[in-house]
Amino acid sequence: NQLKKNGFKWSRCNECWQSYLNHRNI
C-alpha cells in the first residue's frame, strides 16, 4: 500500500515494483 501511494506499480514484465527514476521516488 505504501508503494502504491508513492507511485510504484508492479511490473509483470520485470517482476519488480517500479516507478519513474527521480530523487523523490528514491
mmCIF file of all heavy atoms, coordinates in Angstrom:
data_MODEL
# 
_entry.id   MODEL 
# 
loop_
_atom_site.group_PDB 
_atom_site.id 
_atom_site.type_symbol 
_atom_site.label_atom_id 
_atom_site.label_alt_id 
_atom_site.label_comp_id 
_atom_site.label_asym_id 
_atom_site.label_entity_id 
_atom_site.label_seq_id 
_atom_site.pdbx_PDB_ins_code 
_atom_site.Cartn_x 
_atom_site.Cartn_y 
_atom_site.Cartn_z 
_atom_site.occupancy 
_atom_site.B_iso_or_equiv 
_atom_site.pdbx_formal_charge 
_atom_site.auth_seq_id 
_atom_site.auth_comp_id 
_atom_site.auth_asym_id 
_atom_site.auth_atom_id 
_atom_site.pdbx_PDB_model_num 
ATOM 1   N N   . ASN A 1 1  ? 0.827  -1.214  0.000   1.00 0.00 ? 1  ASN A N   1 
ATOM 2   C CA  . ASN A 1 1  ? 0.000  0.000   0.000   1.00 0.00 ? 1  ASN A CA  1 
ATOM 3   C C   . ASN A 1 1  ? 0.858  1.259   0.000   1.00 0.00 ? 1  ASN A C   1 
ATOM 4   O O   . ASN A 1 1  ? 0.539  2.242   -0.679  1.00 0.00 ? 1  ASN A O   1 
ATOM 5   C CB  . ASN A 1 1  ? -0.938 0.005   1.212   1.00 0.00 ? 1  ASN A CB  1 
ATOM 6   C CG  . ASN A 1 1  ? -2.053 -1.015  1.088   1.00 0.00 ? 1  ASN A CG  1 
ATOM 7   O OD1 . ASN A 1 1  ? -2.455 -1.371  -0.027  1.00 0.00 ? 1  ASN A OD1 1 
ATOM 8   N ND2 . ASN A 1 1  ? -2.563 -1.500  2.208   1.00 0.00 ? 1  ASN A ND2 1 
ATOM 9   N N   . GLN A 1 2  ? 1.945  1.236   0.783   1.00 0.00 ? 2  GLN A N   1 
ATOM 10  C CA  . GLN A 1 2  ? 2.846  2.388   0.811   1.00 0.00 ? 2  GLN A CA  1 
ATOM 11  C C   . GLN A 1 2  ? 3.503  2.615   -0.546  1.00 0.00 ? 2  GLN A C   1 
ATOM 12  O O   . GLN A 1 2  ? 3.656  3.746   -0.994  1.00 0.00 ? 2  GLN A O   1 
ATOM 13  C CB  . GLN A 1 2  ? 3.921  2.181   1.879   1.00 0.00 ? 2  GLN A CB  1 
ATOM 14  C CG  . GLN A 1 2  ? 3.419  2.288   3.310   1.00 0.00 ? 2  GLN A CG  1 
ATOM 15  C CD  . GLN A 1 2  ? 4.563  2.213   4.298   1.00 0.00 ? 2  GLN A CD  1 
ATOM 16  O OE1 . GLN A 1 2  ? 5.452  3.064   4.283   1.00 0.00 ? 2  GLN A OE1 1 
ATOM 17  N NE2 . GLN A 1 2  ? 4.565  1.197   5.155   1.00 0.00 ? 2  GLN A NE2 1 
ATOM 18  N N   . LEU A 1 3  ? 3.870  1.526   -1.193  1.00 0.00 ? 3  LEU A N   1 
ATOM 19  C CA  . LEU A 1 3  ? 4.487  1.633   -2.514  1.00 0.00 ? 3  LEU A CA  1 
ATOM 20  C C   . LEU A 1 3  ? 3.507  2.249   -3.516  1.00 0.00 ? 3  LEU A C   1 
ATOM 21  O O   . LEU A 1 3  ? 3.868  3.145   -4.294  1.00 0.00 ? 3  LEU A O   1 
ATOM 22  C CB  . LEU A 1 3  ? 4.928  0.248   -2.997  1.00 0.00 ? 3  LEU A CB  1 
ATOM 23  C CG  . LEU A 1 3  ? 6.129  -0.374  -2.280  1.00 0.00 ? 3  LEU A CG  1 
ATOM 24  C CD1 . LEU A 1 3  ? 6.300  -1.832  -2.702  1.00 0.00 ? 3  LEU A CD1 1 
ATOM 25  C CD2 . LEU A 1 3  ? 7.411  0.413   -2.582  1.00 0.00 ? 3  LEU A CD2 1 
ATOM 26  N N   . LYS A 1 4  ? 2.272  1.791   -3.482  1.00 0.00 ? 4  LYS A N   1 
ATOM 27  C CA  . LYS A 1 4  ? 1.255  2.307   -4.405  1.00 0.00 ? 4  LYS A CA  1 
ATOM 28  C C   . LYS A 1 4  ? 0.999  3.786   -4.160  1.00 0.00 ? 4  LYS A C   1 
ATOM 29  O O   . LYS A 1 4  ? 0.858  4.560   -5.114  1.00 0.00 ? 4  LYS A O   1 
ATOM 30  C CB  . LYS A 1 4  ? -0.044 1.510   -4.253  1.00 0.00 ? 4  LYS A CB  1 
ATOM 31  C CG  . LYS A 1 4  ? 0.050  0.072   -4.742  1.00 0.00 ? 4  LYS A CG  1 
ATOM 32  C CD  . LYS A 1 4  ? -1.246 -0.681  -4.456  1.00 0.00 ? 4  LYS A CD  1 
ATOM 33  C CE  . LYS A 1 4  ? -1.143 -2.144  -4.864  1.00 0.00 ? 4  LYS A CE  1 
ATOM 34  N NZ  . LYS A 1 4  ? -2.383 -2.900  -4.535  1.00 0.00 ? 4  LYS A NZ  1 
ATOM 35  N N   . LYS A 1 5  ? 0.940  4.180   -2.883  1.00 0.00 ? 5  LYS A N   1 
ATOM 36  C CA  . LYS A 1 5  ? 0.693  5.584   -2.550  1.00 0.00 ? 5  LYS A CA  1 
ATOM 37  C C   . LYS A 1 5  ? 1.822  6.491   -3.029  1.00 0.00 ? 5  LYS A C   1 
ATOM 38  O O   . LYS A 1 5  ? 1.618  7.680   -3.244  1.00 0.00 ? 5  LYS A O   1 
ATOM 39  C CB  . LYS A 1 5  ? 0.508  5.736   -1.038  1.00 0.00 ? 5  LYS A CB  1 
ATOM 40  C CG  . LYS A 1 5  ? -0.806 5.186   -0.513  1.00 0.00 ? 5  LYS A CG  1 
ATOM 41  C CD  . LYS A 1 5  ? -0.901 5.337   0.993   1.00 0.00 ? 5  LYS A CD  1 
ATOM 42  C CE  . LYS A 1 5  ? -2.212 4.761   1.518   1.00 0.00 ? 5  LYS A CE  1 
ATOM 43  N NZ  . LYS A 1 5  ? -2.303 4.850   3.002   1.00 0.00 ? 5  LYS A NZ  1 
ATOM 44  N N   . ASN A 1 6  ? 3.017  5.923   -3.164  1.00 0.00 ? 6  ASN A N   1 
ATOM 45  C CA  . ASN A 1 6  ? 4.175  6.703   -3.578  1.00 0.00 ? 6  ASN A CA  1 
ATOM 46  C C   . ASN A 1 6  ? 4.514  6.534   -5.063  1.00 0.00 ? 6  ASN A C   1 
ATOM 47  O O   . ASN A 1 6  ? 5.626  6.831   -5.494  1.00 0.00 ? 6  ASN A O   1 
ATOM 48  C CB  . ASN A 1 6  ? 5.392  6.326   -2.724  1.00 0.00 ? 6  ASN A CB  1 
ATOM 49  C CG  . ASN A 1 6  ? 5.325  6.925   -1.332  1.00 0.00 ? 6  ASN A CG  1 
ATOM 50  O OD1 . ASN A 1 6  ? 5.710  8.065   -1.118  1.00 0.00 ? 6  ASN A OD1 1 
ATOM 51  N ND2 . ASN A 1 6  ? 4.815  6.147   -0.375  1.00 0.00 ? 6  ASN A ND2 1 
ATOM 52  N N   . GLY A 1 7  ? 3.544  6.034   -5.832  1.00 0.00 ? 7  GLY A N   1 
ATOM 53  C CA  . GLY A 1 7  ? 3.702  5.978   -7.282  1.00 0.00 ? 7  GLY A CA  1 
ATOM 54  C C   . GLY A 1 7  ? 4.372  4.743   -7.844  1.00 0.00 ? 7  GLY A C   1 
ATOM 55  O O   . GLY A 1 7  ? 4.712  4.709   -9.025  1.00 0.00 ? 7  GLY A O   1 
ATOM 56  N N   . PHE A 1 8  ? 4.559  3.706   -7.000  1.00 0.00 ? 8  PHE A N   1 
ATOM 57  C CA  . PHE A 1 8  ? 5.168  2.467   -7.504  1.00 0.00 ? 8  PHE A CA  1 
ATOM 58  C C   . PHE A 1 8  ? 4.083  1.527   -8.028  1.00 0.00 ? 8  PHE A C   1 
ATOM 59  O O   . PHE A 1 8  ? 2.983  1.459   -7.474  1.00 0.00 ? 8  PHE A O   1 
ATOM 60  C CB  . PHE A 1 8  ? 5.963  1.772   -6.398  1.00 0.00 ? 8  PHE A CB  1 
ATOM 61  C CG  . PHE A 1 8  ? 7.269  2.443   -6.067  1.00 0.00 ? 8  PHE A CG  1 
ATOM 62  C CD1 . PHE A 1 8  ? 7.304  3.531   -5.210  1.00 0.00 ? 8  PHE A CD1 1 
ATOM 63  C CD2 . PHE A 1 8  ? 8.450  2.000   -6.633  1.00 0.00 ? 8  PHE A CD2 1 
ATOM 64  C CE1 . PHE A 1 8  ? 8.494  4.164   -4.906  1.00 0.00 ? 8  PHE A CE1 1 
ATOM 65  C CE2 . PHE A 1 8  ? 9.652  2.625   -6.339  1.00 0.00 ? 8  PHE A CE2 1 
ATOM 66  C CZ  . PHE A 1 8  ? 9.671  3.715   -5.468  1.00 0.00 ? 8  PHE A CZ  1 
ATOM 67  N N   . LYS A 1 9  ? 4.416  0.803   -9.087  1.00 0.00 ? 9  LYS A N   1 
ATOM 68  C CA  . LYS A 1 9  ? 3.497  -0.175  -9.663  1.00 0.00 ? 9  LYS A CA  1 
ATOM 69  C C   . LYS A 1 9  ? 4.228  -1.488  -9.876  1.00 0.00 ? 9  LYS A C   1 
ATOM 70  O O   . LYS A 1 9  ? 5.436  -1.513  -10.115 1.00 0.00 ? 9  LYS A O   1 
ATOM 71  C CB  . LYS A 1 9  ? 2.939  0.323   -11.001 1.00 0.00 ? 9  LYS A CB  1 
ATOM 72  C CG  . LYS A 1 9  ? 2.057  1.549   -10.877 1.00 0.00 ? 9  LYS A CG  1 
ATOM 73  C CD  . LYS A 1 9  ? 1.512  1.936   -12.239 1.00 0.00 ? 9  LYS A CD  1 
ATOM 74  C CE  . LYS A 1 9  ? 0.600  3.154   -12.139 1.00 0.00 ? 9  LYS A CE  1 
ATOM 75  N NZ  . LYS A 1 9  ? 0.075  3.557   -13.471 1.00 0.00 ? 9  LYS A NZ  1 
ATOM 76  N N   . TRP A 1 10 ? 3.461  -2.581  -9.788  1.00 0.00 ? 10 TRP A N   1 
ATOM 77  C CA  . TRP A 1 10 ? 4.055  -3.892  -10.034 1.00 0.00 ? 10 TRP A CA  1 
ATOM 78  C C   . TRP A 1 10 ? 4.247  -4.082  -11.526 1.00 0.00 ? 10 TRP A C   1 
ATOM 79  O O   . TRP A 1 10 ? 3.321  -3.905  -12.318 1.00 0.00 ? 10 TRP A O   1 
ATOM 80  C CB  . TRP A 1 10 ? 3.173  -4.998  -9.481  1.00 0.00 ? 10 TRP A CB  1 
ATOM 81  C CG  . TRP A 1 10 ? 3.628  -6.379  -9.875  1.00 0.00 ? 10 TRP A CG  1 
ATOM 82  C CD1 . TRP A 1 10 ? 3.039  -7.202  -10.782 1.00 0.00 ? 10 TRP A CD1 1 
ATOM 83  C CD2 . TRP A 1 10 ? 4.789  -7.069  -9.400  1.00 0.00 ? 10 TRP A CD2 1 
ATOM 84  N NE1 . TRP A 1 10 ? 3.746  -8.368  -10.901 1.00 0.00 ? 10 TRP A NE1 1 
ATOM 85  C CE2 . TRP A 1 10 ? 4.831  -8.330  -10.063 1.00 0.00 ? 10 TRP A CE2 1 
ATOM 86  C CE3 . TRP A 1 10 ? 5.789  -6.766  -8.470  1.00 0.00 ? 10 TRP A CE3 1 
ATOM 87  C CZ2 . TRP A 1 10 ? 5.829  -9.256  -9.831  1.00 0.00 ? 10 TRP A CZ2 1 
ATOM 88  C CZ3 . TRP A 1 10 ? 6.790  -7.696  -8.237  1.00 0.00 ? 10 TRP A CZ3 1 
ATOM 89  C CH2 . TRP A 1 10 ? 6.806  -8.932  -8.902  1.00 0.00 ? 10 TRP A CH2 1 
ATOM 90  N N   . SER A 1 11 ? 5.456  -4.421  -11.939 1.00 0.00 ? 11 SER A N   1 
ATOM 91  C CA  . SER A 1 11 ? 5.756  -4.671  -13.344 1.00 0.00 ? 11 SER A CA  1 
ATOM 92  C C   . SER A 1 11 ? 5.789  -6.172  -13.583 1.00 0.00 ? 11 SER A C   1 
ATOM 93  O O   . SER A 1 11 ? 6.674  -6.875  -13.084 1.00 0.00 ? 11 SER A O   1 
ATOM 94  C CB  . SER A 1 11 ? 7.114  -4.048  -13.718 1.00 0.00 ? 11 SER A CB  1 
ATOM 95  O OG  . SER A 1 11 ? 7.512  -4.488  -14.999 1.00 0.00 ? 11 SER A OG  1 
ATOM 96  N N   . ARG A 1 12 ? 4.824  -6.642  -14.339 1.00 0.00 ? 12 ARG A N   1 
ATOM 97  C CA  . ARG A 1 12 ? 4.768  -8.068  -14.664 1.00 0.00 ? 12 ARG A CA  1 
ATOM 98  C C   . ARG A 1 12 ? 5.950  -8.467  -15.542 1.00 0.00 ? 12 ARG A C   1 
ATOM 99  O O   . ARG A 1 12 ? 6.511  -9.550  -15.397 1.00 0.00 ? 12 ARG A O   1 
ATOM 100 C CB  . ARG A 1 12 ? 3.452  -8.387  -15.382 1.00 0.00 ? 12 ARG A CB  1 
ATOM 101 C CG  . ARG A 1 12 ? 3.271  -9.871  -15.662 1.00 0.00 ? 12 ARG A CG  1 
ATOM 102 C CD  . ARG A 1 12 ? 2.038  -10.129 -16.503 1.00 0.00 ? 12 ARG A CD  1 
ATOM 103 N NE  . ARG A 1 12 ? 0.832  -9.635  -15.899 1.00 0.00 ? 12 ARG A NE  1 
ATOM 104 C CZ  . ARG A 1 12 ? -0.384 -9.758  -16.455 1.00 0.00 ? 12 ARG A CZ  1 
ATOM 105 N NH1 . ARG A 1 12 ? -0.509 -10.370 -17.624 1.00 0.00 ? 12 ARG A NH1 1 
ATOM 106 N NH2 . ARG A 1 12 ? -1.451 -9.277  -15.864 1.00 0.00 ? 12 ARG A NH2 1 
ATOM 107 N N   . CYS A 1 13 ? 6.350  -7.563  -16.445 1.00 0.00 ? 13 CYS A N   1 
ATOM 108 C CA  . CYS A 1 13 ? 7.451  -7.878  -17.363 1.00 0.00 ? 13 CYS A CA  1 
ATOM 109 C C   . CYS A 1 13 ? 8.780  -8.018  -16.625 1.00 0.00 ? 13 CYS A C   1 
ATOM 110 O O   . CYS A 1 13 ? 9.551  -8.939  -16.883 1.00 0.00 ? 13 CYS A O   1 
ATOM 111 C CB  . CYS A 1 13 ? 7.568  -6.784  -18.430 1.00 0.00 ? 13 CYS A CB  1 
ATOM 112 S SG  . CYS A 1 13 ? 6.125  -6.661  -19.506 1.00 0.00 ? 13 CYS A SG  1 
ATOM 113 N N   . ASN A 1 14 ? 9.054  -7.079  -15.696 1.00 0.00 ? 14 ASN A N   1 
ATOM 114 C CA  . ASN A 1 14 ? 10.337 -7.078  -14.986 1.00 0.00 ? 14 ASN A CA  1 
ATOM 115 C C   . ASN A 1 14 ? 10.280 -7.780  -13.639 1.00 0.00 ? 14 ASN A C   1 
ATOM 116 O O   . ASN A 1 14 ? 11.316 -7.929  -12.978 1.00 0.00 ? 14 ASN A O   1 
ATOM 117 C CB  . ASN A 1 14 ? 10.822 -5.638  -14.793 1.00 0.00 ? 14 ASN A CB  1 
ATOM 118 C CG  . ASN A 1 14 ? 11.076 -4.927  -16.099 1.00 0.00 ? 14 ASN A CG  1 
ATOM 119 O OD1 . ASN A 1 14 ? 11.663 -5.491  -17.016 1.00 0.00 ? 14 ASN A OD1 1 
ATOM 120 N ND2 . ASN A 1 14 ? 10.627 -3.687  -16.210 1.00 0.00 ? 14 ASN A ND2 1 
ATOM 121 N N   . GLU A 1 15 ? 9.044  -8.168  -13.219 1.00 0.00 ? 15 GLU A N   1 
ATOM 122 C CA  . GLU A 1 15 ? 8.842  -8.865  -11.945 1.00 0.00 ? 15 GLU A CA  1 
ATOM 123 C C   . GLU A 1 15 ? 9.442  -8.083  -10.777 1.00 0.00 ? 15 GLU A C   1 
ATOM 124 O O   . GLU A 1 15 ? 10.236 -8.603  -9.985  1.00 0.00 ? 15 GLU A O   1 
ATOM 125 C CB  . GLU A 1 15 ? 9.432  -10.280 -12.005 1.00 0.00 ? 15 GLU A CB  1 
ATOM 126 C CG  . GLU A 1 15 ? 8.734  -11.168 -13.030 1.00 0.00 ? 15 GLU A CG  1 
ATOM 127 C CD  . GLU A 1 15 ? 9.231  -12.603 -12.992 1.00 0.00 ? 15 GLU A CD  1 
ATOM 128 O OE1 . GLU A 1 15 ? 10.310 -12.846 -12.417 1.00 0.00 ? 15 GLU A OE1 1 
ATOM 129 O OE2 . GLU A 1 15 ? 8.528  -13.482 -13.528 1.00 0.00 ? 15 GLU A OE2 1 
ATOM 130 N N   . CYS A 1 16 ? 9.062  -6.822  -10.717 1.00 0.00 ? 16 CYS A N   1 
ATOM 131 C CA  . CYS A 1 16 ? 9.523  -5.968  -9.624  1.00 0.00 ? 16 CYS A CA  1 
ATOM 132 C C   . CYS A 1 16 ? 8.546  -4.812  -9.458  1.00 0.00 ? 16 CYS A C   1 
ATOM 133 O O   . CYS A 1 16 ? 7.666  -4.599  -10.286 1.00 0.00 ? 16 CYS A O   1 
ATOM 134 C CB  . CYS A 1 16 ? 10.925 -5.420  -9.930  1.00 0.00 ? 16 CYS A CB  1 
ATOM 135 S SG  . CYS A 1 16 ? 10.951 -4.271  -11.337 1.00 0.00 ? 16 CYS A SG  1 
ATOM 136 N N   . TRP A 1 17 ? 8.694  -4.085  -8.323  1.00 0.00 ? 17 TRP A N   1 
ATOM 137 C CA  . TRP A 1 17 ? 7.939  -2.855  -8.124  1.00 0.00 ? 17 TRP A CA  1 
ATOM 138 C C   . TRP A 1 17 ? 8.788  -1.731  -8.697  1.00 0.00 ? 17 TRP A C   1 
ATOM 139 O O   . TRP A 1 17 ? 9.987  -1.651  -8.430  1.00 0.00 ? 17 TRP A O   1 
ATOM 140 C CB  . TRP A 1 17 ? 7.667  -2.623  -6.642  1.00 0.00 ? 17 TRP A CB  1 
ATOM 141 C CG  . TRP A 1 17 ? 6.626  -3.554  -6.094  1.00 0.00 ? 17 TRP A CG  1 
ATOM 142 C CD1 . TRP A 1 17 ? 6.811  -4.812  -5.604  1.00 0.00 ? 17 TRP A CD1 1 
ATOM 143 C CD2 . TRP A 1 17 ? 5.222  -3.291  -6.003  1.00 0.00 ? 17 TRP A CD2 1 
ATOM 144 N NE1 . TRP A 1 17 ? 5.613  -5.362  -5.210  1.00 0.00 ? 17 TRP A NE1 1 
ATOM 145 C CE2 . TRP A 1 17 ? 4.613  -4.446  -5.446  1.00 0.00 ? 17 TRP A CE2 1 
ATOM 146 C CE3 . TRP A 1 17 ? 4.414  -2.204  -6.326  1.00 0.00 ? 17 TRP A CE3 1 
ATOM 147 C CZ2 . TRP A 1 17 ? 3.250  -4.533  -5.203  1.00 0.00 ? 17 TRP A CZ2 1 
ATOM 148 C CZ3 . TRP A 1 17 ? 3.051  -2.284  -6.092  1.00 0.00 ? 17 TRP A CZ3 1 
ATOM 149 C CH2 . TRP A 1 17 ? 2.476  -3.441  -5.539  1.00 0.00 ? 17 TRP A CH2 1 
ATOM 150 N N   . GLN A 1 18 ? 8.195  -0.853  -9.482  1.00 0.00 ? 18 GLN A N   1 
ATOM 151 C CA  . GLN A 1 18 ? 8.985  0.199   -10.093 1.00 0.00 ? 18 GLN A CA  1 
ATOM 152 C C   . GLN A 1 18 ? 8.218  1.507   -10.238 1.00 0.00 ? 18 GLN A C   1 
ATOM 153 O O   . GLN A 1 18 ? 6.988  1.536   -10.203 1.00 0.00 ? 18 GLN A O   1 
ATOM 154 C CB  . GLN A 1 18 ? 9.507  -0.247  -11.464 1.00 0.00 ? 18 GLN A CB  1 
ATOM 155 C CG  . GLN A 1 18 ? 8.431  -0.500  -12.505 1.00 0.00 ? 18 GLN A CG  1 
ATOM 156 C CD  . GLN A 1 18 ? 9.028  -0.931  -13.837 1.00 0.00 ? 18 GLN A CD  1 
ATOM 157 O OE1 . GLN A 1 18 ? 10.129 -1.481  -13.918 1.00 0.00 ? 18 GLN A OE1 1 
ATOM 158 N NE2 . GLN A 1 18 ? 8.313  -0.674  -14.928 1.00 0.00 ? 18 GLN A NE2 1 
ATOM 159 N N   . SER A 1 19 ? 8.981  2.587   -10.371 1.00 0.00 ? 19 SER A N   1 
ATOM 160 C CA  . SER A 1 19 ? 8.418  3.918   -10.584 1.00 0.00 ? 19 SER A CA  1 
ATOM 161 C C   . SER A 1 19 ? 9.397  4.685   -11.458 1.00 0.00 ? 19 SER A C   1 
ATOM 162 O O   . SER A 1 19 ? 10.462 4.176   -11.817 1.00 0.00 ? 19 SER A O   1 
ATOM 163 C CB  . SER A 1 19 ? 8.226  4.642   -9.247  1.00 0.00 ? 19 SER A CB  1 
ATOM 164 O OG  . SER A 1 19 ? 9.495  4.933   -8.672  1.00 0.00 ? 19 SER A OG  1 
ATOM 165 N N   . TYR A 1 20 ? 9.035  5.917   -11.794 1.00 0.00 ? 20 TYR A N   1 
ATOM 166 C CA  . TYR A 1 20 ? 9.966  6.739   -12.554 1.00 0.00 ? 20 TYR A CA  1 
ATOM 167 C C   . TYR A 1 20 ? 11.183 7.048   -11.697 1.00 0.00 ? 20 TYR A C   1 
ATOM 168 O O   . TYR A 1 20 ? 11.087 7.161   -10.473 1.00 0.00 ? 20 TYR A O   1 
ATOM 169 C CB  . TYR A 1 20 ? 9.300  8.031   -13.012 1.00 0.00 ? 20 TYR A CB  1 
ATOM 170 C CG  . TYR A 1 20 ? 8.323  7.826   -14.153 1.00 0.00 ? 20 TYR A CG  1 
ATOM 171 C CD1 . TYR A 1 20 ? 6.955  7.985   -13.959 1.00 0.00 ? 20 TYR A CD1 1 
ATOM 172 C CD2 . TYR A 1 20 ? 8.777  7.465   -15.415 1.00 0.00 ? 20 TYR A CD2 1 
ATOM 173 C CE1 . TYR A 1 20 ? 6.059  7.780   -15.006 1.00 0.00 ? 20 TYR A CE1 1 
ATOM 174 C CE2 . TYR A 1 20 ? 7.894  7.261   -16.467 1.00 0.00 ? 20 TYR A CE2 1 
ATOM 175 C CZ  . TYR A 1 20 ? 6.542  7.423   -16.254 1.00 0.00 ? 20 TYR A CZ  1 
ATOM 176 O OH  . TYR A 1 20 ? 5.664  7.208   -17.286 1.00 0.00 ? 20 TYR A OH  1 
ATOM 177 N N   . LEU A 1 21 ? 12.305 7.196   -12.322 1.00 0.00 ? 21 LEU A N   1 
ATOM 178 C CA  . LEU A 1 21 ? 13.565 7.411   -11.616 1.00 0.00 ? 21 LEU A CA  1 
ATOM 179 C C   . LEU A 1 21 ? 13.766 8.901   -11.337 1.00 0.00 ? 21 LEU A C   1 
ATOM 180 O O   . LEU A 1 21 ? 14.034 9.681   -12.241 1.00 0.00 ? 21 LEU A O   1 
ATOM 181 C CB  . LEU A 1 21 ? 14.729 6.870   -12.458 1.00 0.00 ? 21 LEU A CB  1 
ATOM 182 C CG  . LEU A 1 21 ? 16.134 6.980   -11.854 1.00 0.00 ? 21 LEU A CG  1 
ATOM 183 C CD1 . LEU A 1 21 ? 16.197 6.287   -10.503 1.00 0.00 ? 21 LEU A CD1 1 
ATOM 184 C CD2 . LEU A 1 21 ? 17.157 6.368   -12.802 1.00 0.00 ? 21 LEU A CD2 1 
ATOM 185 N N   . ASN A 1 22 ? 13.580 9.272   -10.077 1.00 0.00 ? 22 ASN A N   1 
ATOM 186 C CA  . ASN A 1 22 ? 13.859 10.641  -9.641  1.00 0.00 ? 22 ASN A CA  1 
ATOM 187 C C   . ASN A 1 22 ? 14.194 10.630  -8.153  1.00 0.00 ? 22 ASN A C   1 
ATOM 188 O O   . ASN A 1 22 ? 14.011 9.621   -7.465  1.00 0.00 ? 22 ASN A O   1 
ATOM 189 C CB  . ASN A 1 22 ? 12.676 11.582  -9.933  1.00 0.00 ? 22 ASN A CB  1 
ATOM 190 C CG  . ASN A 1 22 ? 11.371 11.101  -9.323  1.00 0.00 ? 22 ASN A CG  1 
ATOM 191 O OD1 . ASN A 1 22 ? 11.302 10.784  -8.135  1.00 0.00 ? 22 ASN A OD1 1 
ATOM 192 N ND2 . ASN A 1 22 ? 10.319 11.022  -10.145 1.00 0.00 ? 22 ASN A ND2 1 
ATOM 193 N N   . HIS A 1 23 ? 14.709 11.749  -7.646  1.00 0.00 ? 23 HIS A N   1 
ATOM 194 C CA  . HIS A 1 23 ? 15.174 11.809  -6.259  1.00 0.00 ? 23 HIS A CA  1 
ATOM 195 C C   . HIS A 1 23 ? 14.037 11.560  -5.261  1.00 0.00 ? 23 HIS A C   1 
ATOM 196 O O   . HIS A 1 23 ? 14.240 10.911  -4.231  1.00 0.00 ? 23 HIS A O   1 
ATOM 197 C CB  . HIS A 1 23 ? 15.826 13.165  -5.977  1.00 0.00 ? 23 HIS A CB  1 
ATOM 198 C CG  . HIS A 1 23 ? 17.129 13.365  -6.701  1.00 0.00 ? 23 HIS A CG  1 
ATOM 199 N ND1 . HIS A 1 23 ? 18.236 12.576  -6.473  1.00 0.00 ? 23 HIS A ND1 1 
ATOM 200 C CD2 . HIS A 1 23 ? 17.492 14.257  -7.674  1.00 0.00 ? 23 HIS A CD2 1 
ATOM 201 C CE1 . HIS A 1 23 ? 19.229 12.964  -7.241  1.00 0.00 ? 23 HIS A CE1 1 
ATOM 202 N NE2 . HIS A 1 23 ? 18.804 13.983  -7.998  1.00 0.00 ? 23 HIS A NE2 1 
ATOM 203 N N   . ARG A 1 24 ? 12.853 12.076  -5.562  1.00 0.00 ? 24 ARG A N   1 
ATOM 204 C CA  . ARG A 1 24 ? 11.730 11.894  -4.639  1.00 0.00 ? 24 ARG A CA  1 
ATOM 205 C C   . ARG A 1 24 ? 11.381 10.427  -4.473  1.00 0.00 ? 24 ARG A C   1 
ATOM 206 O O   . ARG A 1 24 ? 11.178 9.941   -3.355  1.00 0.00 ? 24 ARG A O   1 
ATOM 207 C CB  . ARG A 1 24 ? 10.512 12.674  -5.149  1.00 0.00 ? 24 ARG A CB  1 
ATOM 208 C CG  . ARG A 1 24 ? 9.310  12.615  -4.190  1.00 0.00 ? 24 ARG A CG  1 
ATOM 209 C CD  . ARG A 1 24 ? 8.145  13.396  -4.757  1.00 0.00 ? 24 ARG A CD  1 
ATOM 210 N NE  . ARG A 1 24 ? 7.620  12.761  -5.952  1.00 0.00 ? 24 ARG A NE  1 
ATOM 211 C CZ  . ARG A 1 24 ? 6.768  11.737  -5.935  1.00 0.00 ? 24 ARG A CZ  1 
ATOM 212 N NH1 . ARG A 1 24 ? 6.365  11.216  -4.782  1.00 0.00 ? 24 ARG A NH1 1 
ATOM 213 N NH2 . ARG A 1 24 ? 6.325  11.218  -7.057  1.00 0.00 ? 24 ARG A NH2 1 
ATOM 214 N N   . ASN A 1 25 ? 11.304 9.694   -5.587  1.00 0.00 ? 25 ASN A N   1 
ATOM 215 C CA  . ASN A 1 25 ? 10.965 8.274   -5.511  1.00 0.00 ? 25 ASN A CA  1 
ATOM 216 C C   . ASN A 1 25 ? 12.075 7.445   -4.859  1.00 0.00 ? 25 ASN A C   1 
ATOM 217 O O   . ASN A 1 25 ? 11.801 6.465   -4.165  1.00 0.00 ? 25 ASN A O   1 
ATOM 218 C CB  . ASN A 1 25 ? 10.657 7.734   -6.912  1.00 0.00 ? 25 ASN A CB  1 
ATOM 219 C CG  . ASN A 1 25 ? 9.326  8.237   -7.441  1.00 0.00 ? 25 ASN A CG  1 
ATOM 220 O OD1 . ASN A 1 25 ? 8.466  8.658   -6.673  1.00 0.00 ? 25 ASN A OD1 1 
ATOM 221 N ND2 . ASN A 1 25 ? 9.157  8.207   -8.747  1.00 0.00 ? 25 ASN A ND2 1 
ATOM 222 N N   . ILE A 1 26 ? 13.330 7.847   -5.089  1.00 0.00 ? 26 ILE A N   1 
ATOM 223 C CA  . ILE A 1 26 ? 14.444 7.145   -4.443  1.00 0.00 ? 26 ILE A CA  1 
ATOM 224 C C   . ILE A 1 26 ? 14.368 7.310   -2.924  1.00 0.00 ? 26 ILE A C   1 
ATOM 225 O O   . ILE A 1 26 ? 14.502 6.342   -2.167  1.00 0.00 ? 26 ILE A O   1 
ATOM 226 C CB  . ILE A 1 26 ? 15.798 7.671   -4.967  1.00 0.00 ? 26 ILE A CB  1 
ATOM 227 C CG1 . ILE A 1 26 ? 15.996 7.267   -6.432  1.00 0.00 ? 26 ILE A CG1 1 
ATOM 228 C CG2 . ILE A 1 26 ? 16.961 7.125   -4.123  1.00 0.00 ? 26 ILE A CG2 1 
ATOM 229 C CD1 . ILE A 1 26 ? 17.219 7.878   -7.088  1.00 0.00 ? 26 ILE A CD1 1 
# 
